[in-house]
Amino acid sequence: MALNLTHQTGAAAMTSTPPLGSRPAVFATPAPSAATSTGTGMARSGSSNSLRLQAQTVEPAQAQATDFHQAMTHDREPDLAGQEARKVGVPVFVMMPLDTVRKDGSALNRRKAMQASLAALKSAGAAGIMVDVWWGIAESEGPGQYNFAGYIELMEMAKKAGLKVQAVMSFHQCGGNVGDSVNIPLPKWALEEMEKDQDLAYTDRSGRRNFEYISLGADSVRAFKGRTPIQCYADFMRAFRDHLAPYMGNTICEIQVGMGPAGELRFPSYPESNGTWAFPGIGEFQCYDRYMLSSLKAAAEAVGKPEWGNGGPGDSGSYNQWPEDTNFFRREGGWDSEYGQFFMSWYSQMLIEHGERILAASSAVYTGMPGVKVSVKVAGIHWHYGTRSHAPELTAGYYNTRNHDGYKPIARMLARHGAVLNFTCVEMRNHEQPQEAQCLPEALMQQVANAAKEAGIGLAGENALPRYDETAHDQVISTAAEKAEEERMVAFTYLRMGPDLFQPDNWRRFAGFVKRMTETGVRDVCREQVEREAQGVAHATQHHIHEAAAALVN
């Protein structure tokens, strides 16, 4: 999740798919599945005792843009204007409200609003929607007791509307991050185990526990009724696949696999809850639960420096300090010392191994399903990007500094599993951000795009914060679509469906934005023509948007 100061500052073996048909909404899972993991060893290299990381790899099944577009256009119904025969540029999806499904999982909230909203989105040319499938909702009753009834209802509604769905496996808590308007905790039975053993929660240097996502240090710990966290995630994904089998590959075109807070592959280094952190603070390292410390201790001993295994850097400051306030992150600070390089290599590798383990589990569930792609979300941490140390990226687990590229290893890991890299802050421009914090979202976006291109994987995008103005739209189009075909994003997801989107002026601008993103030739005609066409869409969908806006407010 990327933030800016002007907007709320702050920023296993393959299992065969069962025959299609009706399924009960709730069932108990069989015995826990085995989880697949990728091991990484740490060894000395030469007399300098420098760190060398040895990662097990497999041949990449690269996610190409053309394959992704085929998944999006498979079995599409023609739109009202018969325009879908045009070649797709960058398909646009729209994020659904966080509370789309009731907390008991039984049905949709505001069903009438959903129907009207989906009809309007289809008429505007949107490819589909994105929805969070909350672990805390669908497996809330007990381990292995799944209730996807509300999500099945949504998939059927999207199918009838002719829209695709990006389903997010949301293994994190909703609440405590920017834009979180509702509270959906982890399943009660999982939180009970975390209360018994609080080292299952991420922990900072002061001992503050974070319960929004299970610590990746505990990935192999059988603490959840005999299952590891990775097995819990794998079983959930398998249950989703089985329950939603009639929609997989025709309506559901993408599974975005959550890997951390806000669904992003990162540590919870900048939590907003209880005023812990505020933009543009550097955040704090989250490596002080006993499972993380045990791994750090072993890594330090492996390089002959046991004294490095007692904890993170003691001079890295606190959540709301700036790089130059600390000895570790300042211009010539400890981040670039032998110890700093060791620590950041270990910390970032722990994150990559976590991603590797979850993607191995998701591959066992979804590989071989035609029309379904897997994606992973990476946070757009653009503040203090202009400094040497890139402190906020380091505390989040991205070893990205003036001297070290932190996104290429992530992209290569995704390539090994054929996953798409989804990145935020696509709408941001450098000059819109506080310059004193050396925010450079455009430079960061280009670095990530280069990493994805080099790894041969698809790059998708999102806007980090709600924006309905043409300035933001122009930036997204420039970044995502107005490029050579091989460099375009494979998809863009628009944040977020709600009453503001359906305000007449915002809706008209959104309709024009979708046309410019998706339709060949539209970007080459005058803005006046696009505006006229968007006005036509706004007029034709007037009834739907009024109904949707009113129902969403209520």
Protein backbone atom coordinates (compact mmCIF):
# COMPACT_ATOMS: atom_id res chain seq x y z
CA MET A 1 0.00 0.00 0.00
CA ALA A 2 1.40 3.34 -1.01
CA LEU A 3 0.54 6.53 0.79
CA ASN A 4 0.77 10.24 0.32
CA LEU A 5 0.46 13.26 2.55
CA THR A 6 -2.52 14.87 0.86
CA HIS A 7 -4.82 11.88 1.21
CA GLN A 8 -5.35 10.88 4.86
CA THR A 9 -1.62 11.06 5.28
CA GLY A 10 -0.28 7.89 5.95
CA ALA A 11 0.14 6.56 4.12
CA ALA A 12 2.10 -30.53 -2.68
CA ALA A 13 0.79 -32.47 -5.64
CA MET A 14 -1.85 -31.07 -7.91
CA THR A 15 -5.35 -32.01 -6.77
CA SER A 16 -7.86 -32.69 -9.51
CA THR A 17 -10.87 -30.40 -9.75
CA PRO A 18 -14.11 -32.20 -8.86
CA PRO A 19 -17.00 -32.31 -11.30
CA LEU A 20 -19.01 -29.17 -11.60
CA GLY A 21 -22.30 -29.00 -9.81
CA SER A 22 -23.99 -27.77 -6.70
CA ARG A 23 -22.07 -27.88 -3.44
CA PRO A 24 -23.04 -27.11 0.12
CA ALA A 25 -21.78 -23.76 1.33
CA VAL A 26 -20.29 -25.22 4.51
CA PHE A 27 -18.21 -28.36 4.90
CA ALA A 28 -15.41 -29.78 7.01
CA THR A 29 -12.03 -30.32 5.41
CA PRO A 30 -10.32 -33.70 5.41
CA ALA A 31 -7.03 -34.27 7.19
CA PRO A 32 -4.56 -31.36 6.97
CA SER A 33 -2.64 -31.15 3.75
CA ALA A 34 1.10 -31.25 3.48
CA ALA A 35 2.75 -27.94 2.76
CA THR A 36 5.52 -27.51 0.28
CA SER A 37 8.37 -25.20 1.19
CA THR A 38 11.55 -23.98 -0.33
CA GLY A 39 14.58 -24.13 1.88
CA THR A 40 17.33 -21.59 1.89
CA GLY A 41 20.68 -22.12 3.50
CA MET A 42 23.18 -19.54 4.66
CA ALA A 43 26.87 -20.21 4.26
CA ARG A 44 30.18 -18.45 4.52
CA SER A 45 31.83 -17.23 1.37
CA GLY A 46 35.58 -16.75 1.50
CA SER A 47 37.60 -15.45 4.41
CA SER A 48 35.48 -12.33 4.85
CA ASN A 49 32.60 -14.32 6.34
CA SER A 50 30.23 -12.52 4.00
CA LEU A 51 26.74 -13.93 3.62
CA ARG A 52 25.78 -16.12 0.71
CA LEU A 53 22.14 -17.22 0.34
CA GLN A 54 21.49 -20.47 -1.46
CA ALA A 55 17.88 -20.80 -2.64
CA GLN A 56 16.33 -23.88 -4.19
CA THR A 57 14.78 -22.94 -7.51
CA VAL A 58 12.60 -24.51 -10.17
CA GLU A 59 12.16 -23.67 -13.82
CA PRO A 60 9.95 -20.61 -14.27
CA ALA A 61 6.49 -20.87 -15.77
CA GLN A 62 6.44 -17.26 -16.83
CA ALA A 63 3.26 -15.22 -16.75
CA GLN A 64 2.99 -13.56 -20.12
CA ALA A 65 0.67 -10.65 -20.83
CA THR A 66 -0.96 -12.39 -23.79
CA ASP A 67 -1.94 -15.36 -21.60
CA PHE A 68 -3.41 -13.00 -19.03
CA HIS A 69 -5.50 -11.20 -21.63
CA GLN A 70 -6.82 -14.53 -22.88
CA ALA A 71 -7.89 -15.37 -19.35
CA MET A 72 -9.76 -12.09 -19.11
CA THR A 73 -11.56 -12.38 -22.43
CA HIS A 74 -12.46 -16.09 -22.23
CA ASP A 75 -16.23 -16.60 -22.52
CA ARG A 76 -17.00 -12.90 -22.24
CA GLU A 77 -20.50 -11.81 -23.11
CA PRO A 78 -20.81 -8.88 -25.55
CA ASP A 79 -21.43 -5.48 -23.98
CA LEU A 80 -24.37 -3.23 -24.72
CA ALA A 81 -22.57 -1.28 -27.41
CA GLY A 82 -20.99 -4.36 -29.04
CA GLN A 83 -17.51 -2.88 -28.63
CA GLU A 84 -15.66 -5.87 -27.14
CA ALA A 85 -14.49 -7.07 -30.52
CA ARG A 86 -11.86 -4.36 -30.26
CA LYS A 87 -8.44 -5.45 -29.15
CA VAL A 88 -7.96 -5.11 -25.41
CA GLY A 89 -5.37 -2.59 -24.28
CA VAL A 90 -5.23 -2.82 -20.49
CA PRO A 91 -8.34 -4.35 -18.88
CA VAL A 92 -9.73 -2.37 -15.95
CA PHE A 93 -11.12 -4.02 -12.83
CA VAL A 94 -12.79 -2.27 -9.90
CA MET A 95 -12.23 -3.15 -6.25
CA MET A 96 -15.40 -4.04 -4.38
CA PRO A 97 -16.17 -2.62 -0.91
CA LEU A 98 -14.29 -4.31 1.92
CA ASP A 99 -17.57 -5.48 3.46
CA THR A 100 -19.10 -6.87 0.26
CA VAL A 101 -19.95 -10.13 2.08
CA ARG A 102 -21.63 -10.26 5.47
CA LYS A 103 -19.41 -11.10 8.42
CA ASP A 104 -21.14 -14.47 8.86
CA GLY A 105 -20.35 -15.26 5.21
CA SER A 106 -23.95 -16.21 4.45
CA ALA A 107 -24.84 -13.58 1.86
CA LEU A 108 -23.96 -10.26 0.27
CA ASN A 109 -24.35 -6.94 1.98
CA ARG A 110 -26.47 -4.46 -0.03
CA ARG A 111 -27.46 -6.94 -2.74
CA LYS A 112 -29.48 -4.34 -4.63
CA ALA A 113 -26.48 -2.01 -4.75
CA MET A 114 -24.27 -4.82 -6.03
CA GLN A 115 -26.62 -5.62 -8.91
CA ALA A 116 -26.89 -2.00 -9.99
CA SER A 117 -23.15 -1.41 -9.60
CA LEU A 118 -22.13 -4.43 -11.67
CA ALA A 119 -24.53 -3.46 -14.44
CA ALA A 120 -23.07 0.04 -14.52
CA LEU A 121 -19.47 -1.24 -14.54
CA LYS A 122 -20.23 -3.56 -17.44
CA SER A 123 -21.82 -0.76 -19.45
CA ALA A 124 -18.78 1.43 -18.84
CA GLY A 125 -16.51 -1.24 -20.34
CA ALA A 126 -14.87 -2.51 -17.14
CA ALA A 127 -13.45 -6.03 -17.46
CA GLY A 128 -14.49 -7.07 -13.99
CA ILE A 129 -14.17 -6.66 -10.25
CA MET A 130 -11.74 -7.53 -7.46
CA VAL A 131 -13.04 -8.84 -4.13
CA ASP A 132 -11.39 -9.81 -0.84
CA VAL A 133 -12.20 -13.38 0.21
CA TRP A 134 -11.62 -12.94 3.92
CA TRP A 135 -10.12 -15.82 5.90
CA GLY A 136 -11.75 -14.25 8.96
CA ILE A 137 -15.18 -14.62 7.34
CA ALA A 138 -15.08 -17.82 5.29
CA GLU A 139 -13.37 -19.99 7.94
CA SER A 140 -14.63 -18.21 11.02
CA GLU A 141 -16.66 -21.06 12.53
CA GLY A 142 -13.72 -23.39 13.11
CA PRO A 143 -10.71 -25.01 11.45
CA GLY A 144 -11.75 -26.57 8.18
CA GLN A 145 -15.33 -25.27 8.38
CA TYR A 146 -15.78 -23.12 5.30
CA ASN A 147 -18.66 -20.87 4.31
CA PHE A 148 -18.37 -19.32 0.86
CA ALA A 149 -22.12 -18.75 0.35
CA GLY A 150 -21.84 -14.97 0.03
CA TYR A 151 -18.96 -15.28 -2.43
CA ILE A 152 -20.86 -17.83 -4.53
CA GLU A 153 -23.72 -15.33 -4.71
CA LEU A 154 -21.34 -12.63 -5.90
CA MET A 155 -19.75 -14.88 -8.54
CA GLU A 156 -23.15 -15.76 -9.93
CA MET A 157 -24.07 -12.08 -10.06
CA ALA A 158 -20.80 -11.20 -11.82
CA LYS A 159 -21.28 -14.05 -14.28
CA LYS A 160 -24.76 -12.81 -15.20
CA ALA A 161 -23.38 -9.30 -15.66
CA GLY A 162 -20.61 -10.60 -17.95
CA LEU A 163 -17.81 -9.50 -15.62
CA LYS A 164 -14.59 -11.28 -14.64
CA VAL A 165 -13.46 -11.58 -11.01
CA GLN A 166 -10.07 -11.20 -9.36
CA ALA A 167 -10.42 -13.07 -6.05
CA VAL A 168 -8.02 -12.08 -3.26
CA MET A 169 -7.15 -14.74 -0.72
CA SER A 170 -7.07 -12.33 2.22
CA PHE A 171 -5.27 -14.04 5.08
CA HIS A 172 -4.79 -10.75 6.92
CA GLN A 173 -6.89 -8.62 9.22
CA CYS A 174 -8.96 -5.80 7.78
CA GLY A 175 -8.52 -2.77 10.01
CA GLY A 176 -5.49 -0.79 11.08
CA ASN A 177 -4.19 0.25 7.66
CA VAL A 178 -4.96 3.22 5.45
CA GLY A 179 -8.35 2.87 3.75
CA ASP A 180 -9.61 0.19 6.13
CA SER A 181 -13.19 1.27 6.85
CA VAL A 182 -14.35 -1.95 8.52
CA ASN A 183 -12.88 -4.42 10.99
CA ILE A 184 -12.51 -8.09 10.01
CA PRO A 185 -10.05 -9.91 12.30
CA LEU A 186 -8.38 -13.24 11.67
CA PRO A 187 -10.55 -16.27 12.50
CA LYS A 188 -11.33 -16.44 16.22
CA TRP A 189 -9.82 -19.92 16.55
CA ALA A 190 -6.55 -18.69 15.00
CA LEU A 191 -6.42 -15.65 17.28
CA GLU A 192 -6.97 -17.91 20.30
CA GLU A 193 -3.81 -19.82 19.40
CA MET A 194 -1.93 -16.55 18.90
CA GLU A 195 -3.06 -15.41 22.35
CA LYS A 196 -1.69 -18.64 23.84
CA ASP A 197 1.63 -18.21 22.03
CA GLN A 198 2.06 -14.53 21.28
CA ASP A 199 5.30 -15.20 19.45
CA LEU A 200 3.08 -16.28 16.56
CA ALA A 201 2.48 -12.55 16.08
CA TYR A 202 4.96 -10.13 14.52
CA THR A 203 6.89 -8.29 17.22
CA ASP A 204 8.95 -5.10 17.20
CA ARG A 205 11.97 -4.16 19.33
CA SER A 206 9.75 -2.79 22.12
CA GLY A 207 7.81 -6.05 22.34
CA ARG A 208 4.69 -4.65 20.67
CA ARG A 209 2.70 -7.50 19.11
CA ASN A 210 0.90 -7.19 15.77
CA PHE A 211 -2.00 -9.61 15.24
CA GLU A 212 -3.01 -8.58 11.71
CA TYR A 213 -1.09 -11.46 10.10
CA ILE A 214 0.69 -14.54 11.45
CA SER A 215 4.46 -14.06 11.68
CA LEU A 216 6.24 -15.66 8.74
CA GLY A 217 8.78 -16.93 11.27
CA ALA A 218 6.11 -19.45 12.31
CA ASP A 219 5.40 -20.75 8.80
CA SER A 220 6.43 -24.29 9.77
CA VAL A 221 4.99 -24.31 13.30
CA ARG A 222 2.00 -26.67 13.79
CA ALA A 223 0.25 -24.29 16.14
CA PHE A 224 -3.21 -24.23 14.55
CA LYS A 225 -4.96 -27.46 15.53
CA GLY A 226 -2.13 -29.52 14.10
CA ARG A 227 -1.65 -27.39 11.00
CA THR A 228 1.03 -24.88 10.08
CA PRO A 229 -0.03 -21.45 8.79
CA ILE A 230 1.00 -22.49 5.27
CA GLN A 231 -1.22 -25.58 5.52
CA CYS A 232 -4.10 -23.41 6.71
CA TYR A 233 -3.66 -21.16 3.69
CA ALA A 234 -3.34 -24.13 1.31
CA ASP A 235 -6.48 -25.79 2.68
CA PHE A 236 -8.40 -22.51 2.39
CA MET A 237 -7.35 -22.02 -1.22
CA ARG A 238 -8.27 -25.61 -2.03
CA ALA A 239 -11.68 -25.20 -0.40
CA PHE A 240 -12.27 -21.99 -2.36
CA ARG A 241 -11.37 -23.76 -5.59
CA ASP A 242 -13.71 -26.66 -4.85
CA HIS A 243 -16.67 -24.54 -3.75
CA LEU A 244 -16.29 -22.09 -6.62
CA ALA A 245 -15.41 -24.71 -9.26
CA PRO A 246 -18.26 -23.74 -11.64
CA TYR A 247 -16.78 -20.23 -11.89
CA MET A 248 -13.07 -21.02 -12.07
CA GLY A 249 -11.55 -19.97 -15.39
CA ASN A 250 -14.72 -18.50 -16.86
CA THR A 251 -15.75 -15.91 -14.27
CA ILE A 252 -12.80 -16.10 -11.86
CA CYS A 253 -9.73 -15.19 -13.93
CA GLU A 254 -7.23 -14.40 -11.19
CA ILE A 255 -6.33 -15.52 -7.69
CA GLN A 256 -4.32 -12.90 -5.82
CA VAL A 257 -2.62 -14.65 -2.91
CA GLY A 258 -2.31 -12.60 0.25
CA MET A 259 1.12 -12.76 1.88
CA GLY A 260 1.13 -10.16 4.64
CA PRO A 261 -0.54 -7.07 6.08
CA ALA A 262 -2.96 -5.42 3.65
CA GLY A 263 -2.52 -8.55 1.53
CA GLU A 264 0.96 -7.41 0.52
CA LEU A 265 4.25 -9.33 0.53
CA ARG A 266 5.91 -7.35 3.34
CA PHE A 267 6.40 -7.08 7.07
CA PRO A 268 3.93 -4.92 9.07
CA SER A 269 6.57 -2.25 9.57
CA TYR A 270 4.24 0.76 9.38
CA PRO A 271 1.00 -0.04 11.25
CA GLU A 272 -1.41 2.86 11.57
CA SER A 273 -3.52 1.32 14.34
CA ASN A 274 -3.43 3.11 17.68
CA GLY A 275 -1.30 5.88 16.17
CA THR A 276 1.79 3.66 16.08
CA TRP A 277 3.02 5.03 12.76
CA ALA A 278 2.27 8.04 10.59
CA PHE A 279 3.42 8.92 7.10
CA PRO A 280 6.27 9.44 6.24
CA GLY A 281 7.97 7.62 9.13
CA ILE A 282 10.61 4.98 8.46
CA GLY A 283 8.84 2.19 10.38
CA GLU A 284 10.50 -0.53 12.45
CA PHE A 285 11.91 -4.00 11.85
CA GLN A 286 9.55 -6.83 12.83
CA CYS A 287 11.95 -9.61 13.80
CA TYR A 288 11.59 -9.99 17.56
CA ASP A 289 9.22 -12.93 17.98
CA ARG A 290 11.10 -16.02 19.11
CA TYR A 291 10.71 -17.80 15.77
CA MET A 292 12.30 -14.95 13.83
CA LEU A 293 15.04 -14.58 16.46
CA SER A 294 15.80 -18.30 16.28
CA SER A 295 16.29 -18.02 12.52
CA LEU A 296 18.45 -14.91 12.92
CA LYS A 297 20.60 -16.62 15.52
CA ALA A 298 21.20 -19.61 13.23
CA ALA A 299 22.07 -17.32 10.31
CA ALA A 300 24.55 -15.34 12.40
CA GLU A 301 26.24 -18.51 13.64
CA ALA A 302 26.45 -19.79 10.07
CA VAL A 303 28.59 -16.80 9.07
CA GLY A 304 30.73 -17.00 12.21
CA LYS A 305 29.24 -13.91 13.82
CA PRO A 306 27.06 -15.17 16.67
CA GLU A 307 26.92 -11.68 18.18
CA TRP A 308 24.84 -10.59 15.17
CA GLY A 309 22.07 -13.00 16.09
CA ASN A 310 20.69 -11.28 19.18
CA GLY A 311 18.22 -9.00 17.37
CA GLY A 312 17.84 -6.33 14.75
CA PRO A 313 19.95 -3.15 14.53
CA GLY A 314 19.82 -1.34 17.84
CA ASP A 315 20.31 2.08 16.23
CA SER A 316 17.56 1.90 13.58
CA GLY A 317 15.28 4.37 15.33
CA SER A 318 11.53 4.25 15.85
CA TYR A 319 8.43 4.25 13.66
CA ASN A 320 8.08 7.97 13.06
CA GLN A 321 11.71 9.02 12.75
CA TRP A 322 13.38 9.90 9.46
CA PRO A 323 16.53 8.25 8.05
CA GLU A 324 18.92 10.99 9.12
CA ASP A 325 17.60 10.74 12.69
CA THR A 326 19.22 7.32 13.05
CA ASN A 327 22.74 5.97 12.93
CA PHE A 328 21.67 2.90 10.98
CA PHE A 329 19.76 4.61 8.15
CA ARG A 330 21.62 7.89 7.79
CA ARG A 331 23.60 8.60 4.63
CA GLU A 332 26.77 6.77 5.70
CA GLY A 333 25.04 4.59 8.27
CA GLY A 334 25.20 1.00 9.35
CA TRP A 335 22.88 -0.23 6.61
CA ASP A 336 25.88 -0.42 4.27
CA SER A 337 28.27 -2.06 6.77
CA GLU A 338 29.12 -5.76 6.75
CA TYR A 339 26.63 -6.27 9.57
CA GLY A 340 23.97 -4.21 7.80
CA GLN A 341 24.36 -6.23 4.63
CA PHE A 342 24.14 -9.47 6.61
CA PHE A 343 21.01 -8.42 8.47
CA MET A 344 19.17 -7.08 5.44
CA SER A 345 20.07 -10.17 3.40
CA TRP A 346 18.61 -12.40 6.11
CA TYR A 347 15.51 -10.24 6.74
CA SER A 348 14.61 -9.85 3.05
CA GLN A 349 15.32 -13.52 2.33
CA MET A 350 12.92 -14.55 5.08
CA LEU A 351 10.22 -12.58 3.23
CA ILE A 352 11.08 -14.12 -0.14
CA GLU A 353 11.07 -17.63 1.34
CA HIS A 354 7.64 -16.92 2.81
CA GLY A 355 6.39 -15.94 -0.62
CA GLU A 356 8.00 -19.02 -2.10
CA ARG A 357 6.23 -21.32 0.37
CA ILE A 358 2.80 -19.80 -0.20
CA LEU A 359 3.19 -19.81 -3.98
CA ALA A 360 4.26 -23.46 -3.88
CA ALA A 361 1.03 -24.17 -2.00
CA SER A 362 -1.09 -22.09 -4.39
CA SER A 363 0.54 -23.74 -7.41
CA ALA A 364 -0.48 -27.13 -6.06
CA VAL A 365 -4.07 -25.88 -5.99
CA TYR A 366 -4.41 -23.75 -9.13
CA THR A 367 -1.78 -24.91 -11.63
CA GLY A 368 -3.39 -26.47 -14.67
CA MET A 369 -6.66 -24.59 -14.35
CA PRO A 370 -7.27 -22.90 -17.74
CA GLY A 371 -8.07 -19.22 -17.58
CA VAL A 372 -6.81 -18.67 -14.01
CA LYS A 373 -3.69 -16.69 -13.16
CA VAL A 374 -2.06 -16.19 -9.78
CA SER A 375 -0.77 -12.78 -8.65
CA VAL A 376 1.05 -11.31 -5.66
CA LYS A 377 0.81 -7.74 -4.41
CA VAL A 378 3.94 -5.73 -3.60
CA ALA A 379 3.68 -2.48 -1.65
CA GLY A 380 4.54 0.88 -3.23
CA ILE A 381 6.77 2.34 -0.49
CA HIS A 382 7.85 5.54 -2.20
CA TRP A 383 8.71 7.81 0.74
CA HIS A 384 12.42 8.37 1.43
CA TYR A 385 13.08 6.58 -1.89
CA GLY A 386 15.46 9.41 -2.80
CA THR A 387 17.78 8.66 0.13
CA ARG A 388 20.67 6.22 0.00
CA SER A 389 19.28 3.72 2.49
CA HIS A 390 15.56 3.65 1.44
CA ALA A 391 14.77 3.06 5.13
CA PRO A 392 10.98 2.42 4.88
CA GLU A 393 11.56 -0.22 2.21
CA LEU A 394 14.18 -1.92 4.37
CA THR A 395 11.98 -2.17 7.45
CA ALA A 396 9.19 -3.61 5.23
CA GLY A 397 11.57 -6.34 4.01
CA TYR A 398 12.57 -4.97 0.60
CA TYR A 399 16.38 -4.88 0.50
CA ASN A 400 16.40 -1.94 -1.87
CA THR A 401 19.13 0.68 -1.42
CA ARG A 402 21.28 2.93 -3.58
CA ASN A 403 23.62 -0.08 -3.94
CA HIS A 404 21.24 -3.05 -3.98
CA ASP A 405 18.12 -3.83 -6.07
CA GLY A 406 15.43 -5.26 -3.82
CA TYR A 407 12.76 -5.97 -6.42
CA LYS A 408 14.61 -8.24 -8.85
CA PRO A 409 14.81 -11.12 -6.32
CA ILE A 410 11.07 -10.78 -5.67
CA ALA A 411 10.29 -10.77 -9.40
CA ARG A 412 12.48 -13.83 -9.96
CA MET A 413 10.69 -15.65 -7.14
CA LEU A 414 7.32 -14.85 -8.75
CA ALA A 415 8.63 -16.04 -12.12
CA ARG A 416 9.45 -19.45 -10.66
CA HIS A 417 5.73 -19.89 -10.08
CA GLY A 418 4.36 -18.04 -13.12
CA ALA A 419 2.82 -15.33 -10.93
CA VAL A 420 1.93 -11.76 -11.90
CA LEU A 421 3.43 -8.89 -9.89
CA ASN A 422 0.74 -6.45 -8.77
CA PHE A 423 2.09 -3.05 -7.73
CA THR A 424 0.51 0.00 -6.14
CA CYS A 425 0.99 3.79 -6.44
CA VAL A 426 0.50 3.78 -10.22
CA GLU A 427 -1.49 7.02 -10.03
CA MET A 428 1.13 9.04 -8.15
CA ARG A 429 3.44 11.72 -9.50
CA ASN A 430 6.65 12.81 -7.82
CA HIS A 431 5.73 16.47 -7.54
CA GLU A 432 2.44 15.68 -5.74
CA GLN A 433 4.30 14.19 -2.79
CA PRO A 434 6.12 15.99 0.05
CA GLN A 435 9.55 16.69 -1.39
CA GLU A 436 11.19 16.97 2.02
CA ALA A 437 10.49 13.22 2.43
CA GLN A 438 12.18 12.54 -0.92
CA CYS A 439 9.13 10.68 -2.26
CA LEU A 440 9.70 9.34 -5.78
CA PRO A 441 6.76 7.10 -6.75
CA GLU A 442 7.45 7.40 -10.48
CA ALA A 443 11.07 6.28 -10.11
CA LEU A 444 9.98 3.40 -7.86
CA MET A 445 7.31 2.37 -10.38
CA GLN A 446 9.91 2.29 -13.16
CA GLN A 447 12.32 0.20 -11.08
CA VAL A 448 9.62 -2.39 -10.35
CA ALA A 449 8.54 -2.43 -14.02
CA ASN A 450 12.13 -3.10 -15.04
CA ALA A 451 12.40 -5.95 -12.53
CA ALA A 452 9.19 -7.55 -13.85
CA LYS A 453 10.34 -7.20 -17.46
CA GLU A 454 13.74 -8.73 -16.74
CA ALA A 455 12.09 -11.67 -14.94
CA GLY A 456 9.64 -12.17 -17.80
CA ILE A 457 6.50 -11.83 -15.69
CA GLY A 458 3.32 -9.82 -16.12
CA LEU A 459 3.01 -6.52 -14.26
CA ALA A 460 -0.37 -5.33 -13.02
CA GLY A 461 -1.20 -2.19 -11.10
CA GLU A 462 -3.50 -0.45 -8.66
CA ASN A 463 -3.99 3.09 -7.47
CA ALA A 464 -2.92 3.28 -3.84
CA LEU A 465 -5.54 5.81 -2.76
CA PRO A 466 -8.98 6.75 -4.13
CA ARG A 467 -8.60 9.28 -6.95
CA TYR A 468 -11.35 10.37 -9.34
CA ASP A 469 -9.60 13.28 -11.05
CA GLU A 470 -8.27 13.34 -14.60
CA THR A 471 -4.74 14.12 -13.42
CA ALA A 472 -4.56 10.75 -11.67
CA HIS A 473 -6.26 9.05 -14.63
CA ASP A 474 -3.71 10.53 -17.03
CA GLN A 475 -0.85 9.27 -14.88
CA VAL A 476 -2.27 5.73 -14.77
CA ILE A 477 -2.78 5.70 -18.54
CA SER A 478 0.74 6.98 -19.14
CA THR A 479 2.25 4.42 -16.77
CA ALA A 480 0.12 1.39 -17.62
CA ALA A 481 -1.16 1.69 -21.19
CA GLU A 482 0.65 4.23 -23.34
CA LYS A 483 3.62 1.98 -23.95
CA ALA A 484 4.79 -0.61 -26.44
CA GLU A 485 2.51 -3.63 -26.28
CA GLU A 486 5.09 -5.81 -24.53
CA GLU A 487 5.57 -3.17 -21.81
CA ARG A 488 1.92 -2.52 -21.01
CA MET A 489 0.46 -3.68 -17.75
CA VAL A 490 -1.56 -6.87 -18.01
CA ALA A 491 -4.37 -5.41 -15.89
CA PHE A 492 -5.25 -2.43 -13.73
CA THR A 493 -7.49 -2.48 -10.65
CA TYR A 494 -9.27 0.72 -9.70
CA LEU A 495 -9.68 1.64 -6.04
CA ARG A 496 -12.61 1.48 -5.04
CA MET A 497 -16.30 0.98 -5.77
CA GLY A 498 -18.45 3.16 -3.51
CA PRO A 499 -20.77 6.18 -3.46
CA ASP A 500 -18.00 8.56 -4.55
CA LEU A 501 -17.32 6.62 -7.76
CA PHE A 502 -20.99 6.90 -8.72
CA GLN A 503 -21.19 10.66 -8.30
CA PRO A 504 -22.10 11.96 -11.81
CA ASP A 505 -18.85 13.82 -12.58
CA ASN A 506 -16.65 11.08 -11.13
CA TRP A 507 -18.56 8.42 -13.05
CA ARG A 508 -18.28 10.31 -16.33
CA ARG A 509 -14.52 10.70 -15.86
CA PHE A 510 -14.22 7.01 -14.93
CA ALA A 511 -16.06 5.95 -18.11
CA GLY A 512 -13.64 8.02 -20.19
CA PHE A 513 -10.68 6.55 -18.30
CA VAL A 514 -11.84 2.98 -19.02
CA LYS A 515 -12.21 3.76 -22.72
CA ARG A 516 -8.74 5.23 -22.94
CA MET A 517 -7.24 2.26 -21.10
CA THR A 518 -8.92 -0.56 -22.96
CA GLU A 519 -9.89 0.38 -26.50
CA THR A 520 -7.44 0.41 -29.37
CA GLY A 521 -7.43 3.78 -31.14
CA VAL A 522 -9.24 5.69 -28.41
CA ARG A 523 -5.97 6.98 -27.00
CA ASP A 524 -5.14 8.41 -30.44
CA VAL A 525 -8.30 10.49 -30.86
CA CYS A 526 -9.01 13.88 -29.35
CA ARG A 527 -10.05 14.15 -25.74
CA GLU A 528 -13.29 15.77 -26.85
CA GLN A 529 -14.38 12.60 -28.60
CA VAL A 530 -13.55 10.48 -25.56
CA GLU A 531 -15.48 12.95 -23.43
CA ARG A 532 -18.52 12.69 -25.69
CA GLU A 533 -18.46 8.91 -25.56
CA ALA A 534 -18.05 8.95 -21.79
CA GLN A 535 -20.97 11.34 -21.50
CA GLY A 536 -23.04 8.86 -23.52
CA VAL A 537 -22.13 6.07 -21.11
CA ALA A 538 -22.96 8.27 -18.13
CA HIS A 539 -26.36 9.08 -19.61
CA ALA A 540 -27.14 5.46 -20.50
CA THR A 541 -26.23 4.22 -17.00
CA GLN A 542 -27.85 7.08 -15.09
CA HIS A 543 -30.50 4.87 -13.51
CA HIS A 544 -27.95 2.27 -12.40
CA ILE A 545 -25.52 4.72 -10.82
CA HIS A 546 -28.22 6.61 -8.93
CA GLU A 547 -29.58 3.35 -7.58
CA ALA A 548 -26.09 2.08 -6.69
CA ALA A 549 -24.99 5.32 -5.00
CA ALA A 550 -28.12 5.50 -2.88
CA ALA A 551 -27.95 1.83 -1.87
CA LEU A 552 -24.25 2.00 -1.01
CA VAL A 553 -24.78 5.01 1.24
CA ASN A 554 -27.61 3.25 3.04
